[in-house]
Amino acid sequence: MSPPATALKAIKSTIEAGNWRPDPHLLKQLAKRGLQLMDVLTAITNAKRIEPHDMRPLNADGESWRVYGEDADGRLLGIGLELVRDTDGNFVVIITAFQKKERGK
């Protein structure tokens, strides 16, 4: 697994390059939680905190992470995602997103 700072940098640049896809679970969670996909992408781009996630990766070359960042409305979101590093380059699968009630918790 990559060091957190390295993973966060790779996640942000991969999202900005458009090399990502939403997991079907994400789309259900967005509807349930009143979030938009753009909220999630903005929060990832603004993320300053990252931590390893104990979720088993969906892909053989995947690393599970949770990132925390603010969307355009200033809401702090937690996003569960997988960074896939393989011979074709980096790819991100966004799995879930939720609004944090308090910072750092």
PDB file of N, CA and C in Angstrom:
ATOM      1  N   MET A   1       0.845  -1.174   0.000  1.00  0.00           N
ATOM      2  CA  MET A   1       0.000   0.000   0.000  1.00  0.00           C
ATOM      3  C   MET A   1       0.890   1.237   0.000  1.00  0.00           C
ATOM      4  N   SER A   2       0.444   2.231  -0.719  1.00  0.00           N
ATOM      5  CA  SER A   2       1.189   3.488  -0.835  1.00  0.00           C
ATOM      6  C   SER A   2       1.155   4.255   0.475  1.00  0.00           C
ATOM      7  N   PRO A   3       2.156   5.094   0.723  1.00  0.00           N
ATOM      8  CA  PRO A   3       2.063   6.019   1.855  1.00  0.00           C
ATOM      9  C   PRO A   3       0.872   6.950   1.624  1.00  0.00           C
ATOM     10  N   PRO A   4       0.188   7.372   2.694  1.00  0.00           N
ATOM     11  CA  PRO A   4      -1.010   8.200   2.532  1.00  0.00           C
ATOM     12  C   PRO A   4      -0.824   9.454   1.672  1.00  0.00           C
ATOM     13  N   ALA A   5       0.236  10.210   1.888  1.00  0.00           N
ATOM     14  CA  ALA A   5       0.436  11.443   1.113  1.00  0.00           C
ATOM     15  C   ALA A   5       0.605  11.135  -0.374  1.00  0.00           C
ATOM     16  N   THR A   6       1.305  10.060  -0.675  1.00  0.00           N
ATOM     17  CA  THR A   6       1.500   9.645  -2.064  1.00  0.00           C
ATOM     18  C   THR A   6       0.177   9.206  -2.678  1.00  0.00           C
ATOM     19  N   ALA A   7      -0.609   8.456  -1.910  1.00  0.00           N
ATOM     20  CA  ALA A   7      -1.909   7.995  -2.402  1.00  0.00           C
ATOM     21  C   ALA A   7      -2.843   9.167  -2.657  1.00  0.00           C
ATOM     22  N   LEU A   8      -2.878  10.142  -1.749  1.00  0.00           N
ATOM     23  CA  LEU A   8      -3.768  11.290  -1.918  1.00  0.00           C
ATOM     24  C   LEU A   8      -3.403  12.076  -3.173  1.00  0.00           C
ATOM     25  N   LYS A   9      -2.136  12.277  -3.389  1.00  0.00           N
ATOM     26  CA  LYS A   9      -1.688  12.976  -4.586  1.00  0.00           C
ATOM     27  C   LYS A   9      -2.097  12.204  -5.843  1.00  0.00           C
ATOM     28  N   ALA A  10      -1.922  10.895  -5.823  1.00  0.00           N
ATOM     29  CA  ALA A  10      -2.292  10.060  -6.974  1.00  0.00           C
ATOM     30  C   ALA A  10      -3.801  10.065  -7.204  1.00  0.00           C
ATOM     31  N   ILE A  11      -4.571  10.014  -6.130  1.00  0.00           N
ATOM     32  CA  ILE A  11      -6.037  10.033  -6.239  1.00  0.00           C
ATOM     33  C   ILE A  11      -6.500  11.342  -6.875  1.00  0.00           C
ATOM     34  N   LYS A  12      -5.989  12.460  -6.367  1.00  0.00           N
ATOM     35  CA  LYS A  12      -6.398  13.761  -6.901  1.00  0.00           C
ATOM     36  C   LYS A  12      -6.049  13.901  -8.378  1.00  0.00           C
ATOM     37  N   SER A  13      -4.837  13.537  -8.749  1.00  0.00           N
ATOM     38  CA  SER A  13      -4.438  13.689 -10.153  1.00  0.00           C
ATOM     39  C   SER A  13      -5.199  12.718 -11.055  1.00  0.00           C
ATOM     40  N   THR A  14      -5.525  11.551 -10.537  1.00  0.00           N
ATOM     41  CA  THR A  14      -6.284  10.578 -11.317  1.00  0.00           C
ATOM     42  C   THR A  14      -7.717  11.058 -11.542  1.00  0.00           C
ATOM     43  N   ILE A  15      -8.330  11.626 -10.513  1.00  0.00           N
ATOM     44  CA  ILE A  15      -9.683  12.194 -10.640  1.00  0.00           C
ATOM     45  C   ILE A  15      -9.661  13.346 -11.646  1.00  0.00           C
ATOM     46  N   GLU A  16      -8.688  14.237 -11.512  1.00  0.00           N
ATOM     47  CA  GLU A  16      -8.589  15.392 -12.404  1.00  0.00           C
ATOM     48  C   GLU A  16      -8.375  14.969 -13.854  1.00  0.00           C
ATOM     49  N   ALA A  17      -7.703  13.832 -14.064  1.00  0.00           N
ATOM     50  CA  ALA A  17      -7.464  13.323 -15.419  1.00  0.00           C
ATOM     51  C   ALA A  17      -8.693  12.602 -15.989  1.00  0.00           C
ATOM     52  N   GLY A  18      -9.706  12.408 -15.142  1.00  0.00           N
ATOM     53  CA  GLY A  18     -10.920  11.746 -15.610  1.00  0.00           C
ATOM     54  C   GLY A  18     -10.859  10.226 -15.601  1.00  0.00           C
ATOM     55  N   ASN A  19      -9.879   9.667 -14.920  1.00  0.00           N
ATOM     56  CA  ASN A  19      -9.703   8.215 -14.868  1.00  0.00           C
ATOM     57  C   ASN A  19     -10.373   7.644 -13.627  1.00  0.00           C
ATOM     58  N   TRP A  20     -11.692   7.700 -13.599  1.00  0.00           N
ATOM     59  CA  TRP A  20     -12.451   7.230 -12.444  1.00  0.00           C
ATOM     60  C   TRP A  20     -13.812   6.736 -12.926  1.00  0.00           C
ATOM     61  N   ARG A  21     -14.470   6.003 -12.039  1.00  0.00           N
ATOM     62  CA  ARG A  21     -15.847   5.591 -12.288  1.00  0.00           C
ATOM     63  C   ARG A  21     -16.561   5.452 -10.958  1.00  0.00           C
ATOM     64  N   PRO A  22     -17.868   5.695 -10.945  1.00  0.00           N
ATOM     65  CA  PRO A  22     -18.630   5.481  -9.717  1.00  0.00           C
ATOM     66  C   PRO A  22     -19.038   4.012  -9.609  1.00  0.00           C
ATOM     67  N   ASP A  23     -18.923   3.460  -8.438  1.00  0.00           N
ATOM     68  CA  ASP A  23     -19.452   2.127  -8.165  1.00  0.00           C
ATOM     69  C   ASP A  23     -20.982   2.257  -8.070  1.00  0.00           C
ATOM     70  N   PRO A  24     -21.745   1.253  -8.472  1.00  0.00           N
ATOM     71  CA  PRO A  24     -23.208   1.339  -8.340  1.00  0.00           C
ATOM     72  C   PRO A  24     -23.669   1.674  -6.913  1.00  0.00           C
ATOM     73  N   HIS A  25     -22.925   1.213  -5.917  1.00  0.00           N
ATOM     74  CA  HIS A  25     -23.267   1.520  -4.523  1.00  0.00           C
ATOM     75  C   HIS A  25     -23.240   3.034  -4.276  1.00  0.00           C
ATOM     76  N   LEU A  26     -22.278   3.728  -4.862  1.00  0.00           N
ATOM     77  CA  LEU A  26     -22.168   5.184  -4.690  1.00  0.00           C
ATOM     78  C   LEU A  26     -23.436   5.878  -5.160  1.00  0.00           C
ATOM     79  N   LEU A  27     -23.921   5.486  -6.322  1.00  0.00           N
ATOM     80  CA  LEU A  27     -25.094   6.158  -6.885  1.00  0.00           C
ATOM     81  C   LEU A  27     -26.309   5.996  -5.976  1.00  0.00           C
ATOM     82  N   LYS A  28     -26.462   4.856  -5.356  1.00  0.00           N
ATOM     83  CA  LYS A  28     -27.552   4.640  -4.401  1.00  0.00           C
ATOM     84  C   LYS A  28     -27.367   5.518  -3.161  1.00  0.00           C
ATOM     85  N   GLN A  29     -26.138   5.595  -2.672  1.00  0.00           N
ATOM     86  CA  GLN A  29     -25.858   6.383  -1.477  1.00  0.00           C
ATOM     87  C   GLN A  29     -26.060   7.880  -1.723  1.00  0.00           C
ATOM     88  N   LEU A  30     -25.693   8.351  -2.905  1.00  0.00           N
ATOM     89  CA  LEU A  30     -25.877   9.764  -3.215  1.00  0.00           C
ATOM     90  C   LEU A  30     -27.350  10.135  -3.166  1.00  0.00           C
ATOM     91  N   ALA A  31     -28.182   9.315  -3.777  1.00  0.00           N
ATOM     92  CA  ALA A  31     -29.621   9.584  -3.782  1.00  0.00           C
ATOM     93  C   ALA A  31     -30.179   9.554  -2.360  1.00  0.00           C
ATOM     94  N   LYS A  32     -29.748   8.594  -1.591  1.00  0.00           N
ATOM     95  CA  LYS A  32     -30.227   8.428  -0.212  1.00  0.00           C
ATOM     96  C   LYS A  32     -29.793   9.593   0.681  1.00  0.00           C
ATOM     97  N   ARG A  33     -28.604  10.117   0.441  1.00  0.00           N
ATOM     98  CA  ARG A  33     -28.016  11.126   1.330  1.00  0.00           C
ATOM     99  C   ARG A  33     -28.126  12.552   0.800  1.00  0.00           C
ATOM    100  N   GLY A  34     -28.791  12.729  -0.334  1.00  0.00           N
ATOM    101  CA  GLY A  34     -28.989  14.074  -0.871  1.00  0.00           C
ATOM    102  C   GLY A  34     -27.724  14.734  -1.385  1.00  0.00           C
ATOM    103  N   LEU A  35     -26.789  13.937  -1.874  1.00  0.00           N
ATOM    104  CA  LEU A  35     -25.539  14.465  -2.416  1.00  0.00           C
ATOM    105  C   LEU A  35     -25.539  14.308  -3.931  1.00  0.00           C
ATOM    106  N   GLN A  36     -24.733  15.107  -4.591  1.00  0.00           N
ATOM    107  CA  GLN A  36     -24.558  15.029  -6.037  1.00  0.00           C
ATOM    108  C   GLN A  36     -23.150  14.524  -6.346  1.00  0.00           C
ATOM    109  N   LEU A  37     -22.983  13.941  -7.510  1.00  0.00           N
ATOM    110  CA  LEU A  37     -21.667  13.442  -7.902  1.00  0.00           C
ATOM    111  C   LEU A  37     -20.639  14.571  -7.914  1.00  0.00           C
ATOM    112  N   MET A  38     -21.044  15.762  -8.329  1.00  0.00           N
ATOM    113  CA  MET A  38     -20.113  16.891  -8.347  1.00  0.00           C
ATOM    114  C   MET A  38     -19.643  17.241  -6.934  1.00  0.00           C
ATOM    115  N   ASP A  39     -20.522  17.072  -5.934  1.00  0.00           N
ATOM    116  CA  ASP A  39     -20.119  17.288  -4.535  1.00  0.00           C
ATOM    117  C   ASP A  39     -18.954  16.375  -4.176  1.00  0.00           C
ATOM    118  N   VAL A  40     -19.071  15.132  -4.581  1.00  0.00           N
ATOM    119  CA  VAL A  40     -18.051  14.123  -4.256  1.00  0.00           C
ATOM    120  C   VAL A  40     -16.737  14.438  -4.959  1.00  0.00           C
ATOM    121  N   LEU A  41     -16.809  14.753  -6.239  1.00  0.00           N
ATOM    122  CA  LEU A  41     -15.590  15.059  -6.986  1.00  0.00           C
ATOM    123  C   LEU A  41     -14.895  16.298  -6.430  1.00  0.00           C
ATOM    124  N   THR A  42     -15.679  17.309  -6.062  1.00  0.00           N
ATOM    125  CA  THR A  42     -15.102  18.520  -5.473  1.00  0.00           C
ATOM    126  C   THR A  42     -14.440  18.205  -4.132  1.00  0.00           C
ATOM    127  N   ALA A  43     -15.099  17.399  -3.316  1.00  0.00           N
ATOM    128  CA  ALA A  43     -14.530  17.040  -2.013  1.00  0.00           C
ATOM    129  C   ALA A  43     -13.225  16.263  -2.168  1.00  0.00           C
ATOM    130  N   ILE A  44     -13.159  15.387  -3.153  1.00  0.00           N
ATOM    131  CA  ILE A  44     -11.907  14.644  -3.386  1.00  0.00           C
ATOM    132  C   ILE A  44     -10.812  15.617  -3.806  1.00  0.00           C
ATOM    133  N   THR A  45     -11.126  16.509  -4.705  1.00  0.00           N
ATOM    134  CA  THR A  45     -10.141  17.480  -5.176  1.00  0.00           C
ATOM    135  C   THR A  45      -9.646  18.369  -4.027  1.00  0.00           C
ATOM    136  N   ASN A  46     -10.547  18.682  -3.079  1.00  0.00           N
ATOM    137  CA  ASN A  46     -10.187  19.532  -1.934  1.00  0.00           C
ATOM    138  C   ASN A  46      -9.665  18.756  -0.730  1.00  0.00           C
ATOM    139  N   ALA A  47      -9.615  17.449  -0.823  1.00  0.00           N
ATOM    140  CA  ALA A  47      -9.265  16.615   0.336  1.00  0.00           C
ATOM    141  C   ALA A  47      -7.895  16.975   0.899  1.00  0.00           C
ATOM    142  N   LYS A  48      -7.867  17.025   2.225  1.00  0.00           N
ATOM    143  CA  LYS A  48      -6.612  17.276   2.941  1.00  0.00           C
ATOM    144  C   LYS A  48      -6.273  16.128   3.878  1.00  0.00           C
ATOM    145  N   ARG A  49      -7.241  15.241   4.079  1.00  0.00           N
ATOM    146  CA  ARG A  49      -7.025  14.120   4.999  1.00  0.00           C
ATOM    147  C   ARG A  49      -7.335  12.806   4.290  1.00  0.00           C
ATOM    148  N   ILE A  50      -6.527  11.811   4.556  1.00  0.00           N
ATOM    149  CA  ILE A  50      -6.698  10.484   3.972  1.00  0.00           C
ATOM    150  C   ILE A  50      -6.311   9.449   5.014  1.00  0.00           C
ATOM    151  N   GLU A  51      -6.998   8.324   4.983  1.00  0.00           N
ATOM    152  CA  GLU A  51      -6.629   7.224   5.875  1.00  0.00           C
ATOM    153  C   GLU A  51      -6.915   5.905   5.171  1.00  0.00           C
ATOM    154  N   PRO A  52      -6.139   4.891   5.491  1.00  0.00           N
ATOM    155  CA  PRO A  52      -6.414   3.580   4.904  1.00  0.00           C
ATOM    156  C   PRO A  52      -7.791   3.099   5.364  1.00  0.00           C
ATOM    157  N   HIS A  53      -8.457   2.383   4.500  1.00  0.00           N
ATOM    158  CA  HIS A  53      -9.768   1.831   4.835  1.00  0.00           C
ATOM    159  C   HIS A  53      -9.626   0.319   4.885  1.00  0.00           C
ATOM    160  N   ASP A  54     -10.304  -0.303   5.830  1.00  0.00           N
ATOM    161  CA  ASP A  54     -10.164  -1.752   5.985  1.00  0.00           C
ATOM    162  C   ASP A  54     -11.034  -2.550   5.011  1.00  0.00           C
ATOM    163  N   MET A  55     -11.736  -1.862   4.120  1.00  0.00           N
ATOM    164  CA  MET A  55     -12.531  -2.534   3.108  1.00  0.00           C
ATOM    165  C   MET A  55     -11.619  -3.330   2.170  1.00  0.00           C
ATOM    166  N   ARG A  56     -12.030  -4.519   1.863  1.00  0.00           N
ATOM    167  CA  ARG A  56     -11.254  -5.348   0.939  1.00  0.00           C
ATOM    168  C   ARG A  56     -11.354  -4.741  -0.463  1.00  0.00           C
ATOM    169  N   PRO A  57     -10.222  -4.539  -1.131  1.00  0.00           N
ATOM    170  CA  PRO A  57     -10.254  -3.943  -2.471  1.00  0.00           C
ATOM    171  C   PRO A  57     -11.084  -4.784  -3.446  1.00  0.00           C
ATOM    172  N   LEU A  58     -11.761  -4.099  -4.357  1.00  0.00           N
ATOM    173  CA  LEU A  58     -12.546  -4.768  -5.386  1.00  0.00           C
ATOM    174  C   LEU A  58     -11.660  -5.323  -6.495  1.00  0.00           C
ATOM    175  N   ASN A  59     -10.506  -4.704  -6.687  1.00  0.00           N
ATOM    176  CA  ASN A  59      -9.598  -5.065  -7.772  1.00  0.00           C
ATOM    177  C   ASN A  59      -8.284  -5.600  -7.217  1.00  0.00           C
ATOM    178  N   ALA A  60      -7.662  -6.474  -7.977  1.00  0.00           N
ATOM    179  CA  ALA A  60      -6.414  -7.111  -7.533  1.00  0.00           C
ATOM    180  C   ALA A  60      -5.327  -6.095  -7.199  1.00  0.00           C
ATOM    181  N   ASP A  61      -5.247  -5.022  -7.967  1.00  0.00           N
ATOM    182  CA  ASP A  61      -4.214  -4.012  -7.749  1.00  0.00           C
ATOM    183  C   ASP A  61      -4.739  -2.795  -6.997  1.00  0.00           C
ATOM    184  N   GLY A  62      -5.861  -2.956  -6.285  1.00  0.00           N
ATOM    185  CA  GLY A  62      -6.504  -1.838  -5.622  1.00  0.00           C
ATOM    186  C   GLY A  62      -6.033  -1.600  -4.199  1.00  0.00           C
ATOM    187  N   GLU A  63      -6.129  -0.348  -3.791  1.00  0.00           N
ATOM    188  CA  GLU A  63      -5.849   0.080  -2.416  1.00  0.00           C
ATOM    189  C   GLU A  63      -7.090   0.798  -1.917  1.00  0.00           C
ATOM    190  N   SER A  64      -7.607   0.412  -0.769  1.00  0.00           N
ATOM    191  CA  SER A  64      -8.814   1.033  -0.211  1.00  0.00           C
ATOM    192  C   SER A  64      -8.447   2.210   0.683  1.00  0.00           C
ATOM    193  N   TRP A  65      -9.094   3.366   0.417  1.00  0.00           N
ATOM    194  CA  TRP A  65      -8.830   4.586   1.153  1.00  0.00           C
ATOM    195  C   TRP A  65     -10.128   5.292   1.491  1.00  0.00           C
ATOM    196  N   ARG A  66     -10.061   6.127   2.504  1.00  0.00           N
ATOM    197  CA  ARG A  66     -11.135   7.067   2.809  1.00  0.00           C
ATOM    198  C   ARG A  66     -10.481   8.447   2.824  1.00  0.00           C
ATOM    199  N   VAL A  67     -11.065   9.364   2.047  1.00  0.00           N
ATOM    200  CA  VAL A  67     -10.556  10.729   2.000  1.00  0.00           C
ATOM    201  C   VAL A  67     -11.625  11.668   2.548  1.00  0.00           C
ATOM    202  N   TYR A  68     -11.192  12.806   3.055  1.00  0.00           N
ATOM    203  CA  TYR A  68     -12.090  13.791   3.646  1.00  0.00           C
ATOM    204  C   TYR A  68     -11.797  15.153   3.037  1.00  0.00           C
ATOM    205  N   GLY A  69     -12.836  15.783   2.513  1.00  0.00           N
ATOM    206  CA  GLY A  69     -12.672  17.103   1.918  1.00  0.00           C
ATOM    207  C   GLY A  69     -14.006  17.826   1.860  1.00  0.00           C
ATOM    208  N   GLU A  70     -13.952  19.120   1.606  1.00  0.00           N
ATOM    209  CA  GLU A  70     -15.159  19.942   1.540  1.00  0.00           C
ATOM    210  C   GLU A  70     -15.661  20.043   0.109  1.00  0.00           C
ATOM    211  N   ASP A  71     -16.993  20.004  -0.023  1.00  0.00           N
ATOM    212  CA  ASP A  71     -17.594  20.236  -1.332  1.00  0.00           C
ATOM    213  C   ASP A  71     -17.738  21.745  -1.546  1.00  0.00           C
ATOM    214  N   ALA A  72     -18.354  22.157  -2.656  1.00  0.00           N
ATOM    215  CA  ALA A  72     -18.478  23.581  -2.984  1.00  0.00           C
ATOM    216  C   ALA A  72     -19.339  24.345  -1.976  1.00  0.00           C
ATOM    217  N   ASP A  73     -20.199  23.636  -1.236  1.00  0.00           N
ATOM    218  CA  ASP A  73     -21.050  24.265  -0.223  1.00  0.00           C
ATOM    219  C   ASP A  73     -20.413  24.277   1.160  1.00  0.00           C
ATOM    220  N   GLY A  74     -19.157  23.814   1.266  1.00  0.00           N
ATOM    221  CA  GLY A  74     -18.461  23.812   2.538  1.00  0.00           C
ATOM    222  C   GLY A  74     -18.793  22.638   3.441  1.00  0.00           C
ATOM    223  N   ARG A  75     -19.535  21.656   2.915  1.00  0.00           N
ATOM    224  CA  ARG A  75     -19.843  20.461   3.714  1.00  0.00           C
ATOM    225  C   ARG A  75     -18.643  19.523   3.695  1.00  0.00           C
ATOM    226  N   LEU A  76     -18.302  18.989   4.847  1.00  0.00           N
ATOM    227  CA  LEU A  76     -17.210  18.031   4.929  1.00  0.00           C
ATOM    228  C   LEU A  76     -17.747  16.646   4.579  1.00  0.00           C
ATOM    229  N   LEU A  77     -17.183  16.048   3.542  1.00  0.00           N
ATOM    230  CA  LEU A  77     -17.608  14.725   3.103  1.00  0.00           C
ATOM    231  C   LEU A  77     -16.510  13.709   3.343  1.00  0.00           C
ATOM    232  N   GLY A  78     -16.916  12.508   3.670  1.00  0.00           N
ATOM    233  CA  GLY A  78     -16.032  11.358   3.712  1.00  0.00           C
ATOM    234  C   GLY A  78     -16.331  10.517   2.483  1.00  0.00           C
ATOM    235  N   ILE A  79     -15.293  10.101   1.776  1.00  0.00           N
ATOM    236  CA  ILE A  79     -15.474   9.341   0.551  1.00  0.00           C
ATOM    237  C   ILE A  79     -14.643   8.072   0.626  1.00  0.00           C
ATOM    238  N   GLY A  80     -15.329   6.939   0.469  1.00  0.00           N
ATOM    239  CA  GLY A  80     -14.641   5.650   0.398  1.00  0.00           C
ATOM    240  C   GLY A  80     -14.346   5.357  -1.058  1.00  0.00           C
ATOM    241  N   LEU A  81     -13.095   5.052  -1.354  1.00  0.00           N
ATOM    242  CA  LEU A  81     -12.717   4.807  -2.744  1.00  0.00           C
ATOM    243  C   LEU A  81     -11.588   3.800  -2.832  1.00  0.00           C
ATOM    244  N   GLU A  82     -11.346   3.400  -4.039  1.00  0.00           N
ATOM    245  CA  GLU A  82     -10.252   2.467  -4.301  1.00  0.00           C
ATOM    246  C   GLU A  82      -9.344   3.067  -5.363  1.00  0.00           C
ATOM    247  N   LEU A  83      -8.062   3.109  -5.055  1.00  0.00           N
ATOM    248  CA  LEU A  83      -7.049   3.537  -6.007  1.00  0.00           C
ATOM    249  C   LEU A  83      -6.460   2.280  -6.619  1.00  0.00           C
ATOM    250  N   VAL A  84      -6.618   2.151  -7.930  1.00  0.00           N
ATOM    251  CA  VAL A  84      -6.100   0.980  -8.638  1.00  0.00           C
ATOM    252  C   VAL A  84      -4.842   1.408  -9.382  1.00  0.00           C
ATOM    253  N   ARG A  85      -3.748   0.740  -9.060  1.00  0.00           N
ATOM    254  CA  ARG A  85      -2.475   1.019  -9.728  1.00  0.00           C
ATOM    255  C   ARG A  85      -2.086  -0.246 -10.483  1.00  0.00           C
ATOM    256  N   ASP A  86      -2.131  -0.171 -11.802  1.00  0.00           N
ATOM    257  CA  ASP A  86      -1.752  -1.339 -12.591  1.00  0.00           C
ATOM    258  C   ASP A  86      -0.930  -0.900 -13.794  1.00  0.00           C
ATOM    259  N   THR A  87      -0.682  -1.808 -14.708  1.00  0.00           N
ATOM    260  CA  THR A  87       0.184  -1.507 -15.851  1.00  0.00           C
ATOM    261  C   THR A  87      -0.432  -0.484 -16.802  1.00  0.00           C
ATOM    262  N   ASP A  88      -1.747  -0.284 -16.716  1.00  0.00           N
ATOM    263  CA  ASP A  88      -2.413   0.709 -17.558  1.00  0.00           C
ATOM    264  C   ASP A  88      -2.412   2.098 -16.928  1.00  0.00           C
ATOM    265  N   GLY A  89      -1.874   2.234 -15.731  1.00  0.00           N
ATOM    266  CA  GLY A  89      -1.861   3.513 -15.030  1.00  0.00           C
ATOM    267  C   GLY A  89      -2.843   3.510 -13.875  1.00  0.00           C
ATOM    268  N   ASN A  90      -3.032   4.655 -13.253  1.00  0.00           N
ATOM    269  CA  ASN A  90      -3.923   4.762 -12.097  1.00  0.00           C
ATOM    270  C   ASN A  90      -5.374   4.917 -12.529  1.00  0.00           C
ATOM    271  N   PHE A  91      -6.264   4.393 -11.674  1.00  0.00           N
ATOM    272  CA  PHE A  91      -7.703   4.485 -11.882  1.00  0.00           C
ATOM    273  C   PHE A  91      -8.354   4.532 -10.513  1.00  0.00           C
ATOM    274  N   VAL A  92      -9.439   5.301 -10.359  1.00  0.00           N
ATOM    275  CA  VAL A  92     -10.135   5.405  -9.081  1.00  0.00           C
ATOM    276  C   VAL A  92     -11.572   4.908  -9.238  1.00  0.00           C
ATOM    277  N   VAL A  93     -11.991   4.073  -8.298  1.00  0.00           N
ATOM    278  CA  VAL A  93     -13.383   3.652  -8.200  1.00  0.00           C
ATOM    279  C   VAL A  93     -13.934   4.306  -6.933  1.00  0.00           C
ATOM    280  N   ILE A  94     -14.944   5.158  -7.089  1.00  0.00           N
ATOM    281  CA  ILE A  94     -15.548   5.838  -5.944  1.00  0.00           C
ATOM    282  C   ILE A  94     -16.696   4.972  -5.457  1.00  0.00           C
ATOM    283  N   ILE A  95     -16.629   4.535  -4.202  1.00  0.00           N
ATOM    284  CA  ILE A  95     -17.556   3.530  -3.687  1.00  0.00           C
ATOM    285  C   ILE A  95     -18.673   4.108  -2.830  1.00  0.00           C
ATOM    286  N   THR A  96     -18.366   5.060  -1.979  1.00  0.00           N
ATOM    287  CA  THR A  96     -19.407   5.635  -1.126  1.00  0.00           C
ATOM    288  C   THR A  96     -19.023   7.049  -0.718  1.00  0.00           C
ATOM    289  N   ALA A  97     -20.018   7.799  -0.262  1.00  0.00           N
ATOM    290  CA  ALA A  97     -19.789   9.156   0.225  1.00  0.00           C
ATOM    291  C   ALA A  97     -20.828   9.470   1.285  1.00  0.00           C
ATOM    292  N   PHE A  98     -20.411  10.246   2.264  1.00  0.00           N
ATOM    293  CA  PHE A  98     -21.309  10.630   3.348  1.00  0.00           C
ATOM    294  C   PHE A  98     -20.861  11.968   3.901  1.00  0.00           C
ATOM    295  N   GLN A  99     -21.808  12.690   4.478  1.00  0.00           N
ATOM    296  CA  GLN A  99     -21.488  13.977   5.088  1.00  0.00           C
ATOM    297  C   GLN A  99     -21.040  13.750   6.518  1.00  0.00           C
ATOM    298  N   LYS A 100     -19.929  14.360   6.878  1.00  0.00           N
ATOM    299  CA  LYS A 100     -19.419  14.303   8.245  1.00  0.00           C
ATOM    300  C   LYS A 100     -20.141  15.360   9.083  1.00  0.00           C
ATOM    301  N   LYS A 101     -20.510  15.005  10.287  1.00  0.00           N
ATOM    302  CA  LYS A 101     -21.204  15.950  11.182  1.00  0.00           C
ATOM    303  C   LYS A 101     -20.220  16.938  11.800  1.00  0.00           C
ATOM    304  N   GLU A 102     -19.043  16.446  12.158  1.00  0.00           N
ATOM    305  CA  GLU A 102     -18.028  17.295  12.783  1.00  0.00           C
ATOM    306  C   GLU A 102     -16.693  17.001  12.145  1.00  0.00           C
ATOM    307  N   ARG A 103     -15.858  17.998  12.086  1.00  0.00           N
ATOM    308  CA  ARG A 103     -14.508  17.798  11.523  1.00  0.00           C
ATOM    309  C   ARG A 103     -13.710  16.829  12.402  1.00  0.00           C
ATOM    310  N   GLY A 104     -12.954  15.967  11.702  1.00  0.00           N
ATOM    311  CA  GLY A 104     -12.045  15.061  12.397  1.00  0.00           C
ATOM    312  C   GLY A 104     -12.706  13.908  13.123  1.00  0.00           C
ATOM    313  N   LYS A 105     -14.018  13.742  12.972  1.00  0.00           N
ATOM    314  CA  LYS A 105     -14.692  12.639  13.657  1.00  0.00           C
ATOM    315  C   LYS A 105     -15.373  11.750  12.685  1.00  0.00           C
TER     316      LYS A 105
END
